[in-house]
N, C-alpha and C. Protein backbone atom coordinates (compact mmCIF):
# COMPACT_ATOMS: atom_id res chain seq x y z
N MET A 1 9.98 -5.61 171.16
CA MET A 1 10.64 -4.63 170.38
C MET A 1 10.26 -4.60 168.96
N GLU A 2 9.71 -3.33 168.41
CA GLU A 2 9.39 -3.34 167.16
C GLU A 2 10.17 -3.07 165.96
N TYR A 3 10.63 -3.78 164.94
CA TYR A 3 11.61 -3.82 164.04
C TYR A 3 10.92 -3.25 162.73
N GLU A 4 11.71 -2.31 162.20
CA GLU A 4 11.14 -1.60 160.81
C GLU A 4 12.21 -2.33 159.78
N TYR A 5 11.26 -2.40 158.70
CA TYR A 5 11.98 -3.30 157.69
C TYR A 5 11.55 -2.92 156.28
N THR A 6 12.30 -2.70 155.36
CA THR A 6 11.62 -2.36 154.07
C THR A 6 12.11 -3.61 153.01
N LEU A 7 11.64 -3.41 151.75
CA LEU A 7 12.21 -4.31 150.74
C LEU A 7 13.47 -4.40 150.56
N GLY A 8 14.15 -5.89 150.74
CA GLY A 8 15.56 -6.04 150.26
C GLY A 8 16.09 -6.16 151.75
N THR A 9 15.33 -5.96 152.98
CA THR A 9 15.89 -6.06 154.33
C THR A 9 16.45 -7.50 154.47
N LEU A 10 17.89 -7.74 155.02
CA LEU A 10 17.99 -9.04 155.51
C LEU A 10 17.62 -9.14 156.85
N ILE A 11 17.07 -10.34 157.48
CA ILE A 11 16.54 -10.37 158.41
C ILE A 11 17.31 -11.94 159.01
N GLN A 12 17.67 -12.18 160.37
CA GLN A 12 18.25 -13.06 160.75
C GLN A 12 16.84 -13.64 162.12
N THR A 13 16.47 -15.05 161.77
CA THR A 13 15.51 -15.57 162.63
C THR A 13 16.03 -16.31 163.79
N LYS A 14 15.33 -16.74 164.76
CA LYS A 14 15.87 -17.47 165.88
C LYS A 14 15.97 -18.89 165.65
N LYS A 15 15.39 -19.49 165.03
CA LYS A 15 15.41 -20.92 164.67
C LYS A 15 15.93 -20.97 163.18
N PRO A 16 16.88 -21.84 162.77
CA PRO A 16 17.13 -22.03 161.56
C PRO A 16 16.22 -22.71 160.50
N HIS A 17 16.16 -22.45 159.24
CA HIS A 17 15.13 -23.13 158.46
C HIS A 17 15.69 -24.79 158.36
N ALA A 18 14.87 -25.40 157.57
CA ALA A 18 15.21 -26.80 157.49
C ALA A 18 16.53 -26.88 157.06
N CYS A 19 16.72 -25.97 155.63
CA CYS A 19 18.09 -26.23 154.91
C CYS A 19 19.26 -25.95 156.05
N GLY A 20 19.22 -25.30 157.03
CA GLY A 20 20.30 -24.94 158.05
C GLY A 20 20.26 -23.08 157.81
N GLY A 21 19.86 -22.73 157.09
CA GLY A 21 19.85 -21.02 156.64
C GLY A 21 19.09 -20.38 157.68
N ASP A 22 19.49 -19.18 158.18
CA ASP A 22 18.74 -18.41 159.29
C ASP A 22 18.81 -16.96 158.69
N VAL A 23 19.26 -16.58 157.74
CA VAL A 23 18.91 -15.17 157.00
C VAL A 23 18.10 -15.32 155.78
N TRP A 24 17.07 -14.35 156.07
CA TRP A 24 15.98 -14.11 155.07
C TRP A 24 16.02 -12.75 154.45
N LYS A 25 15.30 -12.57 153.30
CA LYS A 25 15.47 -11.44 152.55
C LYS A 25 13.79 -11.22 152.30
N VAL A 26 13.30 -9.89 152.84
CA VAL A 26 12.10 -9.23 152.45
C VAL A 26 11.76 -9.28 151.30
N ILE A 27 10.83 -9.66 150.45
CA ILE A 27 10.58 -9.75 149.26
C ILE A 27 9.18 -8.79 148.75
N ARG A 28 8.22 -9.04 149.97
CA ARG A 28 6.99 -8.18 149.85
C ARG A 28 6.45 -7.95 151.02
N LEU A 29 5.97 -6.49 150.96
CA LEU A 29 5.30 -6.08 152.14
C LEU A 29 4.05 -5.91 151.94
N GLY A 30 3.11 -6.05 153.21
CA GLY A 30 1.58 -5.89 153.00
C GLY A 30 1.22 -6.25 154.60
N ALA A 31 0.19 -6.41 154.52
CA ALA A 31 -0.80 -7.43 155.89
C ALA A 31 0.33 -8.60 156.17
N ASP A 32 0.65 -9.35 155.24
CA ASP A 32 1.50 -10.30 155.39
C ASP A 32 3.09 -10.05 154.84
N ILE A 33 3.90 -10.74 154.99
CA ILE A 33 5.34 -10.43 154.47
C ILE A 33 5.94 -11.84 154.08
N LYS A 34 6.31 -11.18 152.88
CA LYS A 34 6.91 -12.55 152.04
C LYS A 34 8.48 -12.63 152.11
N LEU A 35 9.07 -13.61 152.75
CA LEU A 35 10.42 -13.95 152.93
C LEU A 35 11.00 -14.93 152.14
N GLU A 36 12.10 -14.55 151.59
CA GLU A 36 12.75 -15.57 150.74
C GLU A 36 14.24 -16.25 151.35
N CYS A 37 14.33 -17.62 151.91
CA CYS A 37 15.49 -17.71 152.36
C CYS A 37 16.85 -17.66 151.27
N GLN A 38 17.79 -17.09 152.05
CA GLN A 38 19.03 -16.88 151.16
C GLN A 38 19.78 -17.95 151.19
N THR A 39 19.60 -19.06 151.74
CA THR A 39 20.26 -20.31 151.33
C THR A 39 19.92 -21.32 150.49
N CYS A 40 18.56 -21.49 150.45
CA CYS A 40 17.96 -22.75 149.30
C CYS A 40 16.93 -21.90 148.63
N GLY A 41 16.52 -20.90 148.58
CA GLY A 41 15.69 -19.97 147.80
C GLY A 41 14.33 -20.18 148.10
N ARG A 42 13.52 -20.73 149.12
CA ARG A 42 12.42 -21.01 149.42
C ARG A 42 11.80 -19.79 149.73
N VAL A 43 10.44 -19.53 149.72
CA VAL A 43 9.83 -18.67 149.84
C VAL A 43 8.52 -18.77 150.81
N ILE A 44 8.46 -17.81 151.79
CA ILE A 44 7.14 -18.21 152.66
C ILE A 44 6.71 -16.83 153.05
N MET A 45 5.46 -17.06 153.48
CA MET A 45 4.84 -15.69 153.97
C MET A 45 4.33 -15.80 155.51
N LEU A 46 4.45 -14.79 155.95
CA LEU A 46 4.29 -14.78 157.58
C LEU A 46 3.46 -13.48 157.91
N SER A 47 2.64 -13.68 158.78
CA SER A 47 1.94 -12.35 159.27
C SER A 47 2.91 -11.58 159.92
N ARG A 48 2.54 -10.31 159.92
CA ARG A 48 3.73 -9.42 160.55
C ARG A 48 3.77 -9.55 162.34
N THR A 49 2.65 -10.17 162.98
CA THR A 49 3.04 -10.48 164.08
C THR A 49 3.80 -11.53 164.46
N ASP A 50 3.72 -12.74 163.71
CA ASP A 50 4.51 -14.00 163.64
C ASP A 50 5.98 -13.42 163.23
N LEU A 51 6.17 -12.88 162.28
CA LEU A 51 7.66 -12.41 161.96
C LEU A 51 8.25 -11.61 163.53
N GLN A 52 7.54 -10.77 163.93
CA GLN A 52 7.96 -10.05 164.96
C GLN A 52 8.81 -11.15 166.19
N LYS A 53 7.77 -12.17 166.06
CA LYS A 53 8.10 -13.02 167.28
C LYS A 53 9.47 -13.91 166.86
N ARG A 54 9.67 -13.92 165.76
CA ARG A 54 10.75 -15.00 164.99
C ARG A 54 11.90 -14.25 164.79
N ILE A 55 11.91 -12.76 164.73
CA ILE A 55 13.32 -12.11 164.34
C ILE A 55 14.35 -12.09 165.51
N LYS A 56 15.50 -12.42 165.37
CA LYS A 56 16.74 -12.30 165.99
C LYS A 56 17.18 -10.90 166.16
N LYS A 57 17.64 -10.59 164.72
CA LYS A 57 18.27 -9.21 164.46
C LYS A 57 18.02 -8.97 163.13
N ILE A 58 18.25 -7.73 162.71
CA ILE A 58 18.27 -7.21 161.23
C ILE A 58 19.73 -7.05 160.53
N VAL A 59 19.89 -7.87 159.58
CA VAL A 59 21.52 -8.22 159.29
C VAL A 59 21.81 -6.72 158.54
N GLU A 60 21.00 -6.61 157.60
CA GLU A 60 21.42 -5.57 156.53
C GLU A 60 20.17 -4.66 155.91
N GLU A 61 20.03 -3.46 155.99
CA GLU A 61 18.98 -2.69 155.27
C GLU A 61 19.07 -2.59 153.79
């Protein structure tokens, strides 16, 4: 399933982050997507294909 997201979209992942949070905010779009953990503030970058595999659902547009 292809998910559509824009800047500021909140995404829930299948597995939680090490801090226990599983909600991420999209802060940059491009070939890679930059996400910020909403629990601890950690920032990561994932390729679009990796992100598609990890998404559980879109929490908020």
